[in-house]
Amino acid sequence: MAASAATPEQQLRAVDVQFDGDWLSVVLSDDRRISVPVSRIPWLAWLANAPESQRKRWTIEPGGFAVYWDELDDGIEVRHLLEMVPLR
């Protein structure tokens, strides 16, 4: 029986989160960083509108598949960041 290999997106995990003004950066397990301007992405309006004090209180889900903000009751999956079309 052959085991199915995980796709690169399934193997990657979030290891850190940083904010620089409007920019959210998620550091991945392969040392890449995905940075997005939260105010320009409609599905991140909940994070763009959050005060800095709440933005700082994130956790990485077990296995690193997502970043979650408990106080905001929402989160971001790594695969969604990887699937994003570049902003214009």
N, C-alpha and C. Protein backbone atom coordinates (compact mmCIF):
# COMPACT_ATOMS: atom_id res chain seq x y z
N MET A 1 0.85 -1.17 0.00
CA MET A 1 0.00 0.00 0.00
C MET A 1 0.90 1.23 0.00
N ALA A 2 0.69 2.12 -0.93
CA ALA A 2 1.50 3.33 -1.04
C ALA A 2 0.89 4.43 -0.17
N ALA A 3 1.75 5.10 0.54
CA ALA A 3 1.29 6.22 1.35
C ALA A 3 1.28 7.47 0.49
N SER A 4 0.29 8.31 0.67
CA SER A 4 0.25 9.53 -0.12
C SER A 4 1.17 10.57 0.52
N ALA A 5 1.91 11.24 -0.31
CA ALA A 5 2.83 12.27 0.17
C ALA A 5 2.05 13.56 0.41
N ALA A 6 2.46 14.28 1.42
CA ALA A 6 1.83 15.56 1.72
C ALA A 6 2.31 16.59 0.71
N THR A 7 1.42 17.50 0.34
CA THR A 7 1.81 18.59 -0.54
C THR A 7 2.68 19.56 0.25
N PRO A 8 3.46 20.40 -0.42
CA PRO A 8 4.28 21.37 0.31
C PRO A 8 3.46 22.25 1.24
N GLU A 9 2.24 22.63 0.81
CA GLU A 9 1.39 23.46 1.66
C GLU A 9 1.00 22.75 2.95
N GLN A 10 0.83 21.43 2.88
CA GLN A 10 0.45 20.69 4.08
C GLN A 10 1.64 20.53 5.03
N GLN A 11 2.83 20.53 4.51
CA GLN A 11 4.02 20.36 5.33
C GLN A 11 4.44 21.66 6.00
N LEU A 12 4.15 22.78 5.37
CA LEU A 12 4.53 24.08 5.93
C LEU A 12 3.67 24.40 7.13
N ARG A 13 4.28 25.10 8.07
CA ARG A 13 3.51 25.51 9.25
C ARG A 13 3.97 26.90 9.69
N ALA A 14 3.10 27.61 10.34
CA ALA A 14 3.44 28.91 10.90
C ALA A 14 4.30 28.71 12.14
N VAL A 15 5.35 29.52 12.27
CA VAL A 15 6.20 29.43 13.46
C VAL A 15 6.29 30.75 14.21
N ASP A 16 5.89 31.85 13.55
CA ASP A 16 5.93 33.15 14.20
C ASP A 16 5.02 34.12 13.46
N VAL A 17 4.61 35.17 14.15
CA VAL A 17 3.75 36.20 13.58
C VAL A 17 4.31 37.55 14.02
N GLN A 18 4.34 38.49 13.08
CA GLN A 18 4.83 39.82 13.41
C GLN A 18 3.97 40.85 12.70
N PHE A 19 3.83 42.01 13.31
CA PHE A 19 3.13 43.14 12.70
C PHE A 19 4.09 44.30 12.58
N ASP A 20 3.98 45.00 11.48
CA ASP A 20 4.72 46.24 11.27
C ASP A 20 3.72 47.21 10.65
N GLY A 21 3.09 47.99 11.49
CA GLY A 21 2.03 48.88 11.03
C GLY A 21 0.86 48.06 10.50
N ASP A 22 0.53 48.28 9.24
CA ASP A 22 -0.58 47.60 8.58
C ASP A 22 -0.20 46.21 8.08
N TRP A 23 1.07 45.87 8.13
CA TRP A 23 1.56 44.62 7.54
C TRP A 23 1.61 43.49 8.56
N LEU A 24 0.99 42.38 8.17
CA LEU A 24 1.05 41.14 8.94
C LEU A 24 2.06 40.24 8.25
N SER A 25 3.00 39.71 9.00
CA SER A 25 3.97 38.75 8.46
C SER A 25 3.85 37.45 9.22
N VAL A 26 3.70 36.36 8.49
CA VAL A 26 3.66 35.03 9.07
C VAL A 26 4.94 34.33 8.62
N VAL A 27 5.75 33.92 9.59
CA VAL A 27 6.99 33.22 9.29
C VAL A 27 6.68 31.73 9.23
N LEU A 28 7.14 31.10 8.15
CA LEU A 28 6.86 29.68 7.93
C LEU A 28 8.03 28.81 8.36
N SER A 29 7.74 27.54 8.51
CA SER A 29 8.73 26.57 8.98
C SER A 29 9.92 26.41 8.04
N ASP A 30 9.79 26.83 6.78
CA ASP A 30 10.93 26.75 5.85
C ASP A 30 11.66 28.09 5.75
N ASP A 31 11.42 28.98 6.73
CA ASP A 31 12.05 30.30 6.85
C ASP A 31 11.51 31.35 5.88
N ARG A 32 10.52 31.01 5.07
CA ARG A 32 9.89 32.04 4.25
C ARG A 32 8.97 32.87 5.13
N ARG A 33 8.69 34.05 4.65
CA ARG A 33 7.80 34.97 5.34
C ARG A 33 6.75 35.43 4.34
N ILE A 34 5.49 35.32 4.72
CA ILE A 34 4.41 35.84 3.89
C ILE A 34 3.92 37.11 4.57
N SER A 35 4.00 38.22 3.85
CA SER A 35 3.58 39.51 4.40
C SER A 35 2.43 40.07 3.58
N VAL A 36 1.42 40.53 4.27
CA VAL A 36 0.24 41.09 3.60
C VAL A 36 -0.21 42.35 4.33
N PRO A 37 -0.69 43.34 3.56
CA PRO A 37 -1.26 44.55 4.18
C PRO A 37 -2.72 44.26 4.55
N VAL A 38 -2.99 44.09 5.80
CA VAL A 38 -4.32 43.62 6.22
C VAL A 38 -5.46 44.56 5.80
N SER A 39 -5.19 45.84 5.68
CA SER A 39 -6.27 46.77 5.31
C SER A 39 -6.65 46.67 3.83
N ARG A 40 -5.83 46.02 3.02
CA ARG A 40 -6.14 45.90 1.58
C ARG A 40 -6.77 44.56 1.22
N ILE A 41 -6.98 43.70 2.20
CA ILE A 41 -7.53 42.38 1.93
C ILE A 41 -8.89 42.28 2.62
N PRO A 42 -9.96 42.27 1.83
CA PRO A 42 -11.31 42.30 2.41
C PRO A 42 -11.56 41.23 3.46
N TRP A 43 -11.08 40.00 3.27
CA TRP A 43 -11.38 38.96 4.24
C TRP A 43 -10.54 39.07 5.51
N LEU A 44 -9.68 40.10 5.59
CA LEU A 44 -8.92 40.36 6.83
C LEU A 44 -9.37 41.66 7.50
N ALA A 45 -10.53 42.17 7.12
CA ALA A 45 -11.04 43.41 7.73
C ALA A 45 -11.14 43.29 9.24
N TRP A 46 -11.52 42.12 9.74
CA TRP A 46 -11.63 41.91 11.18
C TRP A 46 -10.29 42.16 11.88
N LEU A 47 -9.19 41.85 11.22
CA LEU A 47 -7.86 42.05 11.80
C LEU A 47 -7.39 43.48 11.58
N ALA A 48 -7.71 44.05 10.43
CA ALA A 48 -7.35 45.44 10.15
C ALA A 48 -8.01 46.40 11.14
N ASN A 49 -9.22 46.07 11.56
CA ASN A 49 -9.98 46.94 12.48
C ASN A 49 -9.67 46.68 13.95
N ALA A 50 -8.90 45.67 14.24
CA ALA A 50 -8.58 45.33 15.63
C ALA A 50 -7.49 46.27 16.17
N PRO A 51 -7.60 46.64 17.44
CA PRO A 51 -6.54 47.46 18.03
C PRO A 51 -5.23 46.65 18.14
N GLU A 52 -4.13 47.36 18.18
CA GLU A 52 -2.81 46.71 18.27
C GLU A 52 -2.73 45.76 19.47
N SER A 53 -3.37 46.13 20.58
CA SER A 53 -3.32 45.28 21.77
C SER A 53 -3.92 43.90 21.51
N GLN A 54 -4.96 43.82 20.67
CA GLN A 54 -5.56 42.53 20.33
C GLN A 54 -4.77 41.82 19.23
N ARG A 55 -4.21 42.57 18.32
CA ARG A 55 -3.41 41.97 17.25
C ARG A 55 -2.22 41.19 17.82
N LYS A 56 -1.68 41.68 18.92
CA LYS A 56 -0.50 41.06 19.54
C LYS A 56 -0.81 39.71 20.19
N ARG A 57 -2.05 39.46 20.52
CA ARG A 57 -2.41 38.25 21.28
C ARG A 57 -2.91 37.15 20.36
N TRP A 58 -1.98 36.55 19.66
CA TRP A 58 -2.27 35.47 18.72
C TRP A 58 -1.68 34.18 19.27
N THR A 59 -2.16 33.09 18.74
CA THR A 59 -1.58 31.77 19.04
C THR A 59 -1.46 31.01 17.73
N ILE A 60 -0.53 30.09 17.70
CA ILE A 60 -0.38 29.22 16.55
C ILE A 60 -1.11 27.93 16.88
N GLU A 61 -2.00 27.52 15.99
CA GLU A 61 -2.77 26.30 16.19
C GLU A 61 -1.84 25.09 16.23
N PRO A 62 -2.22 24.04 16.95
CA PRO A 62 -1.41 22.82 16.98
C PRO A 62 -1.10 22.34 15.56
N GLY A 63 0.14 22.03 15.33
CA GLY A 63 0.57 21.62 13.99
C GLY A 63 0.95 22.78 13.11
N GLY A 64 0.67 24.01 13.56
CA GLY A 64 1.07 25.21 12.84
C GLY A 64 0.28 25.51 11.59
N PHE A 65 -0.89 24.87 11.41
CA PHE A 65 -1.66 25.08 10.18
C PHE A 65 -2.33 26.44 10.12
N ALA A 66 -2.44 27.14 11.26
CA ALA A 66 -3.14 28.43 11.28
C ALA A 66 -2.67 29.28 12.45
N VAL A 67 -2.97 30.57 12.33
CA VAL A 67 -2.75 31.53 13.41
C VAL A 67 -4.14 31.95 13.87
N TYR A 68 -4.34 32.03 15.18
CA TYR A 68 -5.68 32.32 15.71
C TYR A 68 -5.60 33.44 16.75
N TRP A 69 -6.60 34.33 16.70
CA TRP A 69 -6.75 35.41 17.67
C TRP A 69 -8.00 35.10 18.48
N ASP A 70 -7.83 34.58 19.66
CA ASP A 70 -8.95 34.15 20.49
C ASP A 70 -9.91 35.31 20.78
N GLU A 71 -9.37 36.47 21.15
CA GLU A 71 -10.23 37.61 21.47
C GLU A 71 -11.06 38.07 20.28
N LEU A 72 -10.55 37.85 19.08
CA LEU A 72 -11.24 38.27 17.87
C LEU A 72 -12.08 37.15 17.28
N ASP A 73 -11.94 35.97 17.84
CA ASP A 73 -12.67 34.77 17.41
C ASP A 73 -12.52 34.52 15.91
N ASP A 74 -11.26 34.64 15.43
CA ASP A 74 -11.00 34.39 14.02
C ASP A 74 -9.52 34.07 13.84
N GLY A 75 -9.20 33.57 12.67
CA GLY A 75 -7.82 33.21 12.39
C GLY A 75 -7.56 33.12 10.90
N ILE A 76 -6.31 32.77 10.59
CA ILE A 76 -5.86 32.67 9.21
C ILE A 76 -5.13 31.35 9.03
N GLU A 77 -5.54 30.58 8.03
CA GLU A 77 -4.84 29.34 7.72
C GLU A 77 -3.66 29.63 6.81
N VAL A 78 -2.55 28.95 7.04
CA VAL A 78 -1.35 29.11 6.22
C VAL A 78 -1.68 28.86 4.75
N ARG A 79 -2.46 27.84 4.47
CA ARG A 79 -2.76 27.52 3.07
C ARG A 79 -3.49 28.65 2.36
N HIS A 80 -4.31 29.41 3.09
CA HIS A 80 -5.01 30.54 2.46
C HIS A 80 -4.02 31.64 2.10
N LEU A 81 -3.04 31.86 2.94
CA LEU A 81 -2.01 32.85 2.60
C LEU A 81 -1.20 32.40 1.39
N LEU A 82 -0.89 31.12 1.32
CA LEU A 82 -0.10 30.60 0.21
C LEU A 82 -0.88 30.63 -1.11
N GLU A 83 -2.20 30.54 -1.02
CA GLU A 83 -3.04 30.51 -2.22
C GLU A 83 -3.42 31.90 -2.74
N MET A 84 -3.06 32.93 -2.00
CA MET A 84 -3.47 34.29 -2.38
C MET A 84 -2.90 34.69 -3.73
N VAL A 85 -3.71 35.40 -4.49
CA VAL A 85 -3.28 36.01 -5.74
C VAL A 85 -2.59 37.32 -5.37
N PRO A 86 -1.47 37.64 -6.01
CA PRO A 86 -0.79 38.91 -5.68
C PRO A 86 -1.72 40.12 -5.81
N LEU A 87 -1.56 41.06 -4.89
CA LEU A 87 -2.36 42.29 -4.92
C LEU A 87 -1.86 43.19 -6.04
N ARG A 88 -2.75 43.93 -6.61
CA ARG A 88 -2.37 44.90 -7.67
C ARG A 88 -2.66 46.29 -7.20
